[in-house]
């Protein structure tokens, strides 16, 4: 976990019950979920294997070890997990060096949270090397801290990354709003006890208690997030 500022107050300046906003990265803030699948397809093609498109829903949003391990088992490819992880990370980095579009509404939301000094964390299953590269596009100044998938013993769908982020911000998880795009991330946030805004990127996500589903980040602003605390 990296932090750019000391632990922050557990209440916002106006006394709102919202204490912090925790944001996923791939597919939530940056339009990169398709990049990961394209890289996986290319890498396995180089190994002589064709990926079934239905597997995309299995690997989306998961930690690298789970996604890569599933694809090795599903294809029978003759490659180790460590070697495959290096190839996938390198392929993804090559893509984002050329283009990394933000999701609609992402830049506006980050700017609003920063303007109102809302404690904000980036919480991703991606590795630190990927997060640091993406931060150059998102702007590291928008996040009080960042949590990478290779910095926790158990990453999503376990609650650990979100619990770590909330603790780092000095916030009660029950007073945190999490924005996620996959069922895996939603499961992690809900297990941590957070309010969740789901913005599905690949597979649909159903509404549930303490979970609000919206089509894009353009429907999410600070007033919307504060309103979650009354649900």
C-alpha atoms as a PDB file:
ATOM      1  CA  UNK A   1       0.000   0.000   0.000  1.00  0.00           C
ATOM      2  CA  UNK A   2       1.274   3.483  -0.781  1.00  0.00           C
ATOM      3  CA  UNK A   3       0.021   6.646   0.865  1.00  0.00           C
ATOM      4  CA  UNK A   4       0.549  10.220  -0.244  1.00  0.00           C
ATOM      5  CA  UNK A   5      -0.736  11.856   2.941  1.00  0.00           C
ATOM      6  CA  UNK A   6      -1.079  10.931   6.607  1.00  0.00           C
ATOM      7  CA  UNK A   7      -4.264   9.268   7.803  1.00  0.00           C
ATOM      8  CA  UNK A   8      -7.173  11.674   7.391  1.00  0.00           C
ATOM      9  CA  UNK A   9     -10.069  12.678   9.593  1.00  0.00           C
ATOM     10  CA  UNK A  10     -12.911  10.211   9.794  1.00  0.00           C
ATOM     11  CA  UNK A  11     -15.459  12.922   8.943  1.00  0.00           C
ATOM     12  CA  UNK A  12     -15.734  15.214   5.958  1.00  0.00           C
ATOM     13  CA  UNK A  13     -15.576  18.979   6.346  1.00  0.00           C
ATOM     14  CA  UNK A  14     -19.359  19.429   6.338  1.00  0.00           C
ATOM     15  CA  UNK A  15     -19.978  16.661   8.877  1.00  0.00           C
ATOM     16  CA  UNK A  16     -21.475  14.240   6.361  1.00  0.00           C
ATOM     17  CA  UNK A  17     -21.737  10.615   7.392  1.00  0.00           C
ATOM     18  CA  UNK A  18     -19.695   9.771   4.297  1.00  0.00           C
ATOM     19  CA  UNK A  19     -16.137   9.370   5.531  1.00  0.00           C
ATOM     20  CA  UNK A  20     -14.278   8.115   2.449  1.00  0.00           C
ATOM     21  CA  UNK A  21     -14.664   6.985  -1.152  1.00  0.00           C
ATOM     22  CA  UNK A  22     -12.826   3.851  -2.305  1.00  0.00           C
ATOM     23  CA  UNK A  23     -12.530   3.318  -6.044  1.00  0.00           C
ATOM     24  CA  UNK A  24     -11.651   0.311  -8.164  1.00  0.00           C
ATOM     25  CA  UNK A  25      -9.426   0.978 -11.194  1.00  0.00           C
ATOM     26  CA  UNK A  26      -9.801  -1.342 -14.215  1.00  0.00           C
ATOM     27  CA  UNK A  27     -13.213  -0.987 -15.810  1.00  0.00           C
ATOM     28  CA  UNK A  28     -14.307   1.534 -13.172  1.00  0.00           C
ATOM     29  CA  UNK A  29     -12.055   4.549 -13.689  1.00  0.00           C
ATOM     30  CA  UNK A  30     -10.141   3.450 -16.775  1.00  0.00           C
ATOM     31  CA  UNK A  31     -11.524   1.608 -19.793  1.00  0.00           C
ATOM     32  CA  UNK A  32      -9.036  -1.230 -19.522  1.00  0.00           C
ATOM     33  CA  UNK A  33     -10.960  -4.464 -18.911  1.00  0.00           C
ATOM     34  CA  UNK A  34     -10.960  -5.100 -22.657  1.00  0.00           C
ATOM     35  CA  UNK A  35      -7.194  -4.546 -22.725  1.00  0.00           C
ATOM     36  CA  UNK A  36      -6.637  -7.366 -20.242  1.00  0.00           C
ATOM     37  CA  UNK A  37      -8.728  -9.800 -22.260  1.00  0.00           C
ATOM     38  CA  UNK A  38      -7.010  -8.827 -25.521  1.00  0.00           C
ATOM     39  CA  UNK A  39      -3.611  -9.435 -23.915  1.00  0.00           C
ATOM     40  CA  UNK A  40      -4.730 -12.794 -22.539  1.00  0.00           C
ATOM     41  CA  UNK A  41      -5.996 -13.829 -25.969  1.00  0.00           C
ATOM     42  CA  UNK A  42      -2.726 -12.812 -27.644  1.00  0.00           C
ATOM     43  CA  UNK A  43      -0.457 -14.441 -25.070  1.00  0.00           C
ATOM     44  CA  UNK A  44      -2.313 -17.755 -25.204  1.00  0.00           C
ATOM     45  CA  UNK A  45      -2.432 -17.598 -28.996  1.00  0.00           C
ATOM     46  CA  UNK A  46       1.370 -17.390 -28.932  1.00  0.00           C
ATOM     47  CA  UNK A  47       1.315 -20.543 -26.818  1.00  0.00           C
ATOM     48  CA  UNK A  48      -0.910 -22.302 -29.348  1.00  0.00           C
ATOM     49  CA  UNK A  49      -4.220 -21.972 -27.532  1.00  0.00           C
ATOM     50  CA  UNK A  50      -7.498 -20.203 -28.333  1.00  0.00           C
ATOM     51  CA  UNK A  51      -9.443 -18.726 -25.454  1.00  0.00           C
ATOM     52  CA  UNK A  52     -13.192 -19.280 -25.272  1.00  0.00           C
ATOM     53  CA  UNK A  53     -14.941 -15.903 -25.150  1.00  0.00           C
ATOM     54  CA  UNK A  54     -17.218 -17.157 -22.361  1.00  0.00           C
ATOM     55  CA  UNK A  55     -14.164 -17.338 -20.089  1.00  0.00           C
ATOM     56  CA  UNK A  56     -13.983 -13.558 -20.143  1.00  0.00           C
ATOM     57  CA  UNK A  57     -16.719 -13.398 -17.516  1.00  0.00           C
ATOM     58  CA  UNK A  58     -14.744 -15.794 -15.315  1.00  0.00           C
ATOM     59  CA  UNK A  59     -11.497 -13.835 -15.304  1.00  0.00           C
ATOM     60  CA  UNK A  60     -12.832 -10.273 -15.253  1.00  0.00           C
ATOM     61  CA  UNK A  61     -12.208  -8.352 -12.056  1.00  0.00           C
ATOM     62  CA  UNK A  62     -10.202 -11.091 -10.411  1.00  0.00           C
ATOM     63  CA  UNK A  63      -6.628 -11.061  -9.108  1.00  0.00           C
ATOM     64  CA  UNK A  64      -3.930 -11.986 -11.596  1.00  0.00           C
ATOM     65  CA  UNK A  65      -3.174 -15.286  -9.862  1.00  0.00           C
ATOM     66  CA  UNK A  66      -6.794 -16.430 -10.092  1.00  0.00           C
ATOM     67  CA  UNK A  67      -7.356 -15.304 -13.682  1.00  0.00           C
ATOM     68  CA  UNK A  68      -4.052 -16.611 -14.994  1.00  0.00           C
ATOM     69  CA  UNK A  69      -4.383 -19.850 -13.047  1.00  0.00           C
ATOM     70  CA  UNK A  70      -7.847 -20.454 -14.450  1.00  0.00           C
ATOM     71  CA  UNK A  71      -6.656 -19.907 -18.030  1.00  0.00           C
ATOM     72  CA  UNK A  72      -3.676 -22.233 -17.592  1.00  0.00           C
ATOM     73  CA  UNK A  73      -5.944 -24.959 -16.264  1.00  0.00           C
ATOM     74  CA  UNK A  74      -8.655 -24.368 -18.873  1.00  0.00           C
ATOM     75  CA  UNK A  75      -6.260 -24.490 -21.828  1.00  0.00           C
ATOM     76  CA  UNK A  76      -3.626 -26.902 -20.522  1.00  0.00           C
ATOM     77  CA  UNK A  77      -0.965 -24.438 -21.635  1.00  0.00           C
ATOM     78  CA  UNK A  78       2.616 -25.410 -20.836  1.00  0.00           C
ATOM     79  CA  UNK A  79       3.544 -22.304 -18.853  1.00  0.00           C
ATOM     80  CA  UNK A  80       4.030 -21.521 -15.191  1.00  0.00           C
ATOM     81  CA  UNK A  81       1.975 -18.963 -13.292  1.00  0.00           C
ATOM     82  CA  UNK A  82       4.936 -16.674 -12.595  1.00  0.00           C
ATOM     83  CA  UNK A  83       6.028 -16.632 -16.240  1.00  0.00           C
ATOM     84  CA  UNK A  84       2.493 -15.995 -17.460  1.00  0.00           C
ATOM     85  CA  UNK A  85       2.005 -13.167 -14.984  1.00  0.00           C
ATOM     86  CA  UNK A  86       5.080 -11.391 -16.351  1.00  0.00           C
ATOM     87  CA  UNK A  87       3.845 -11.756 -19.942  1.00  0.00           C
ATOM     88  CA  UNK A  88       0.369 -10.463 -19.107  1.00  0.00           C
ATOM     89  CA  UNK A  89       1.609  -7.472 -17.134  1.00  0.00           C
ATOM     90  CA  UNK A  90       4.077  -6.560 -19.884  1.00  0.00           C
ATOM     91  CA  UNK A  91       1.430  -6.867 -22.568  1.00  0.00           C
ATOM     92  CA  UNK A  92      -0.944  -4.651 -20.594  1.00  0.00           C
ATOM     93  CA  UNK A  93       1.744  -2.030 -19.988  1.00  0.00           C
ATOM     94  CA  UNK A  94       2.500  -1.923 -23.702  1.00  0.00           C
ATOM     95  CA  UNK A  95      -1.159  -1.202 -24.421  1.00  0.00           C
ATOM     96  CA  UNK A  96      -1.652   1.541 -21.863  1.00  0.00           C
ATOM     97  CA  UNK A  97       1.521   3.242 -23.043  1.00  0.00           C
ATOM     98  CA  UNK A  98      -0.304   3.858 -26.324  1.00  0.00           C
ATOM     99  CA  UNK A  99      -3.812   4.596 -25.043  1.00  0.00           C
ATOM    100  CA  UNK A 100      -5.657   4.544 -21.747  1.00  0.00           C
ATOM    101  CA  UNK A 101      -9.103   6.139 -21.993  1.00  0.00           C
ATOM    102  CA  UNK A 102     -10.967   7.073 -18.842  1.00  0.00           C
ATOM    103  CA  UNK A 103     -14.475   5.815 -18.233  1.00  0.00           C
ATOM    104  CA  UNK A 104     -17.217   8.409 -18.851  1.00  0.00           C
ATOM    105  CA  UNK A 105     -17.597  10.579 -15.767  1.00  0.00           C
ATOM    106  CA  UNK A 106     -14.360   9.440 -14.110  1.00  0.00           C
ATOM    107  CA  UNK A 107     -12.385  12.676 -14.491  1.00  0.00           C
ATOM    108  CA  UNK A 108     -15.320  14.790 -13.285  1.00  0.00           C
ATOM    109  CA  UNK A 109     -15.910  12.577 -10.233  1.00  0.00           C
ATOM    110  CA  UNK A 110     -12.243  12.566  -9.201  1.00  0.00           C
ATOM    111  CA  UNK A 111     -12.053  16.341  -9.566  1.00  0.00           C
ATOM    112  CA  UNK A 112     -15.184  16.821  -7.441  1.00  0.00           C
ATOM    113  CA  UNK A 113     -13.916  14.547  -4.670  1.00  0.00           C
ATOM    114  CA  UNK A 114     -10.600  16.406  -4.641  1.00  0.00           C
ATOM    115  CA  UNK A 115     -12.298  19.812  -4.635  1.00  0.00           C
ATOM    116  CA  UNK A 116     -14.301  18.869  -1.535  1.00  0.00           C
ATOM    117  CA  UNK A 117     -11.329  17.162   0.116  1.00  0.00           C
ATOM    118  CA  UNK A 118     -13.064  13.794   0.394  1.00  0.00           C
ATOM    119  CA  UNK A 119     -10.598  11.093   1.540  1.00  0.00           C
ATOM    120  CA  UNK A 120     -10.225   8.876  -1.507  1.00  0.00           C
ATOM    121  CA  UNK A 121      -8.366   5.616  -2.154  1.00  0.00           C
ATOM    122  CA  UNK A 122      -7.650   3.584  -5.276  1.00  0.00           C
ATOM    123  CA  UNK A 123      -8.159  -0.114  -4.510  1.00  0.00           C
ATOM    124  CA  UNK A 124      -7.211  -2.530  -7.289  1.00  0.00           C
ATOM    125  CA  UNK A 125      -6.478  -6.215  -7.822  1.00  0.00           C
ATOM    126  CA  UNK A 126      -3.817  -5.141 -10.341  1.00  0.00           C
ATOM    127  CA  UNK A 127      -0.166  -5.261  -9.336  1.00  0.00           C
ATOM    128  CA  UNK A 128       1.699  -2.225  -8.015  1.00  0.00           C
ATOM    129  CA  UNK A 129       3.695  -1.795 -11.242  1.00  0.00           C
ATOM    130  CA  UNK A 130       0.425  -1.482 -13.186  1.00  0.00           C
ATOM    131  CA  UNK A 131      -1.228   0.876 -10.701  1.00  0.00           C
ATOM    132  CA  UNK A 132       1.749   3.227 -10.691  1.00  0.00           C
ATOM    133  CA  UNK A 133       1.691   3.345 -14.494  1.00  0.00           C
ATOM    134  CA  UNK A 134      -2.051   4.065 -14.598  1.00  0.00           C
ATOM    135  CA  UNK A 135      -1.724   6.763 -11.930  1.00  0.00           C
ATOM    136  CA  UNK A 136       0.162   8.914 -14.404  1.00  0.00           C
ATOM    137  CA  UNK A 137      -3.114   9.127 -16.351  1.00  0.00           C
ATOM    138  CA  UNK A 138      -5.530   9.311 -13.407  1.00  0.00           C
ATOM    139  CA  UNK A 139      -3.411  11.770 -11.456  1.00  0.00           C
ATOM    140  CA  UNK A 140      -1.854  10.562  -8.191  1.00  0.00           C
ATOM    141  CA  UNK A 141      -2.999  13.776  -6.479  1.00  0.00           C
ATOM    142  CA  UNK A 142      -6.570  12.459  -6.564  1.00  0.00           C
ATOM    143  CA  UNK A 143      -5.823   9.649  -4.102  1.00  0.00           C
ATOM    144  CA  UNK A 144      -4.791   9.790  -0.458  1.00  0.00           C
ATOM    145  CA  UNK A 145      -3.577   6.210  -0.757  1.00  0.00           C
ATOM    146  CA  UNK A 146      -3.540   3.282  -3.167  1.00  0.00           C
ATOM    147  CA  UNK A 147      -3.791  -0.457  -2.521  1.00  0.00           C
ATOM    148  CA  UNK A 148      -2.462  -3.006  -5.045  1.00  0.00           C
ATOM    149  CA  UNK A 149      -3.418  -6.651  -5.405  1.00  0.00           C
ATOM    150  CA  UNK A 150       0.127  -7.867  -4.804  1.00  0.00           C
ATOM    151  CA  UNK A 151       0.378  -5.936  -1.536  1.00  0.00           C
ATOM    152  CA  UNK A 152      -2.256  -7.902   0.375  1.00  0.00           C
ATOM    153  CA  UNK A 153      -2.239 -11.550   1.364  1.00  0.00           C
ATOM    154  CA  UNK A 154      -5.814 -11.956   0.161  1.00  0.00           C
ATOM    155  CA  UNK A 155      -7.076  -9.702  -2.594  1.00  0.00           C
ATOM    156  CA  UNK A 156     -10.576  -9.385  -4.049  1.00  0.00           C
ATOM    157  CA  UNK A 157     -13.089 -11.040  -3.580  1.00  0.00           C
ATOM    158  CA  UNK A 158     -11.828 -11.045   0.014  1.00  0.00           C
ATOM    159  CA  UNK A 159     -12.516  -7.867   2.026  1.00  0.00           C
ATOM    160  CA  UNK A 160      -8.877  -7.281   2.955  1.00  0.00           C
ATOM    161  CA  UNK A 161      -8.038  -4.580   0.336  1.00  0.00           C
ATOM    162  CA  UNK A 162     -11.032  -2.452   1.298  1.00  0.00           C
ATOM    163  CA  UNK A 163     -10.497  -2.934   5.011  1.00  0.00           C
ATOM    164  CA  UNK A 164      -6.871  -1.873   4.558  1.00  0.00           C
ATOM    165  CA  UNK A 165      -7.872   1.205   2.567  1.00  0.00           C
ATOM    166  CA  UNK A 166     -10.500   2.266   5.103  1.00  0.00           C
ATOM    167  CA  UNK A 167      -8.045   1.831   7.967  1.00  0.00           C
ATOM    168  CA  UNK A 168      -5.414   3.836   6.091  1.00  0.00           C
ATOM    169  CA  UNK A 169      -7.868   6.709   5.747  1.00  0.00           C
ATOM    170  CA  UNK A 170      -8.994   6.451   9.362  1.00  0.00           C
ATOM    171  CA  UNK A 171     -12.523   5.632   8.204  1.00  0.00           C
ATOM    172  CA  UNK A 172     -15.222   3.219   9.333  1.00  0.00           C
ATOM    173  CA  UNK A 173     -15.880   0.789   6.427  1.00  0.00           C
ATOM    174  CA  UNK A 174     -19.622   1.213   7.053  1.00  0.00           C
ATOM    175  CA  UNK A 175     -19.169   4.922   6.293  1.00  0.00           C
ATOM    176  CA  UNK A 176     -17.257   4.282   3.068  1.00  0.00           C
ATOM    177  CA  UNK A 177     -18.699   4.309  -0.432  1.00  0.00           C
ATOM    178  CA  UNK A 178     -17.062   1.874  -2.840  1.00  0.00           C
ATOM    179  CA  UNK A 179     -17.345   2.130  -6.617  1.00  0.00           C
ATOM    180  CA  UNK A 180     -16.805  -1.158  -8.467  1.00  0.00           C
ATOM    181  CA  UNK A 181     -17.512  -2.667 -11.903  1.00  0.00           C
ATOM    182  CA  UNK A 182     -17.379  -6.446 -11.326  1.00  0.00           C
ATOM    183  CA  UNK A 183     -19.047  -9.016  -9.105  1.00  0.00           C
ATOM    184  CA  UNK A 184     -15.645  -9.901  -7.646  1.00  0.00           C
ATOM    185  CA  UNK A 185     -15.007  -6.337  -6.532  1.00  0.00           C
ATOM    186  CA  UNK A 186     -18.553  -5.904  -5.265  1.00  0.00           C
ATOM    187  CA  UNK A 187     -18.168  -9.059  -3.161  1.00  0.00           C
ATOM    188  CA  UNK A 188     -14.969  -7.698  -1.610  1.00  0.00           C
ATOM    189  CA  UNK A 189     -16.507  -4.338  -0.772  1.00  0.00           C
ATOM    190  CA  UNK A 190     -19.660  -5.834   0.677  1.00  0.00           C
ATOM    191  CA  UNK A 191     -17.672  -8.319   2.760  1.00  0.00           C
ATOM    192  CA  UNK A 192     -15.821  -5.307   4.187  1.00  0.00           C
ATOM    193  CA  UNK A 193     -19.161  -3.748   5.178  1.00  0.00           C
ATOM    194  CA  UNK A 194     -19.077  -0.839   2.733  1.00  0.00           C
ATOM    195  CA  UNK A 195     -21.880   0.771   0.729  1.00  0.00           C
ATOM    196  CA  UNK A 196     -21.380  -0.170  -2.924  1.00  0.00           C
ATOM    197  CA  UNK A 197     -22.067   1.567  -6.198  1.00  0.00           C
ATOM    198  CA  UNK A 198     -21.812  -0.984  -9.023  1.00  0.00           C
ATOM    199  CA  UNK A 199     -21.120   0.288 -12.527  1.00  0.00           C
ATOM    200  CA  UNK A 200     -21.062  -2.986 -14.520  1.00  0.00           C
ATOM    201  CA  UNK A 201     -18.422  -3.121 -17.261  1.00  0.00           C
ATOM    202  CA  UNK A 202     -18.537  -6.674 -18.657  1.00  0.00           C
ATOM    203  CA  UNK A 203     -21.187  -8.708 -16.852  1.00  0.00           C
ATOM    204  CA  UNK A 204     -24.459  -7.459 -15.313  1.00  0.00           C
ATOM    205  CA  UNK A 205     -24.727  -6.909 -11.561  1.00  0.00           C
ATOM    206  CA  UNK A 206     -28.075  -6.966  -9.751  1.00  0.00           C
ATOM    207  CA  UNK A 207     -29.073  -4.389  -7.117  1.00  0.00           C
ATOM    208  CA  UNK A 208     -29.108  -5.541  -3.497  1.00  0.00           C
ATOM    209  CA  UNK A 209     -29.133  -4.218   0.042  1.00  0.00           C
ATOM    210  CA  UNK A 210     -26.418  -1.538   0.450  1.00  0.00           C
ATOM    211  CA  UNK A 211     -25.718  -1.892  -3.292  1.00  0.00           C
ATOM    212  CA  UNK A 212     -26.829   0.580  -5.938  1.00  0.00           C
ATOM    213  CA  UNK A 213     -26.364  -0.176  -9.636  1.00  0.00           C
ATOM    214  CA  UNK A 214     -25.920   2.630 -12.186  1.00  0.00           C
ATOM    215  CA  UNK A 215     -25.104   2.452 -15.908  1.00  0.00           C
ATOM    216  CA  UNK A 216     -22.107   4.835 -15.875  1.00  0.00           C
ATOM    217  CA  UNK A 217     -20.110   7.073 -13.561  1.00  0.00           C
ATOM    218  CA  UNK A 218     -21.930   9.999 -15.119  1.00  0.00           C
ATOM    219  CA  UNK A 219     -24.739   9.143 -12.677  1.00  0.00           C
ATOM    220  CA  UNK A 220     -22.399   9.397  -9.677  1.00  0.00           C
ATOM    221  CA  UNK A 221     -21.431  12.593  -7.903  1.00  0.00           C
ATOM    222  CA  UNK A 222     -20.654  13.627  -4.335  1.00  0.00           C
ATOM    223  CA  UNK A 223     -24.300  14.261  -3.465  1.00  0.00           C
ATOM    224  CA  UNK A 224     -25.183  10.794  -4.751  1.00  0.00           C
ATOM    225  CA  UNK A 225     -22.444   9.161  -2.659  1.00  0.00           C
ATOM    226  CA  UNK A 226     -23.441  11.055   0.465  1.00  0.00           C
ATOM    227  CA  UNK A 227     -27.007   9.914  -0.078  1.00  0.00           C
ATOM    228  CA  UNK A 228     -25.906   6.283   0.197  1.00  0.00           C
ATOM    229  CA  UNK A 229     -25.205   6.764   3.872  1.00  0.00           C
ATOM    230  CA  UNK A 230     -28.923   7.208   4.545  1.00  0.00           C
ATOM    231  CA  UNK A 231     -29.879   3.963   2.772  1.00  0.00           C
END
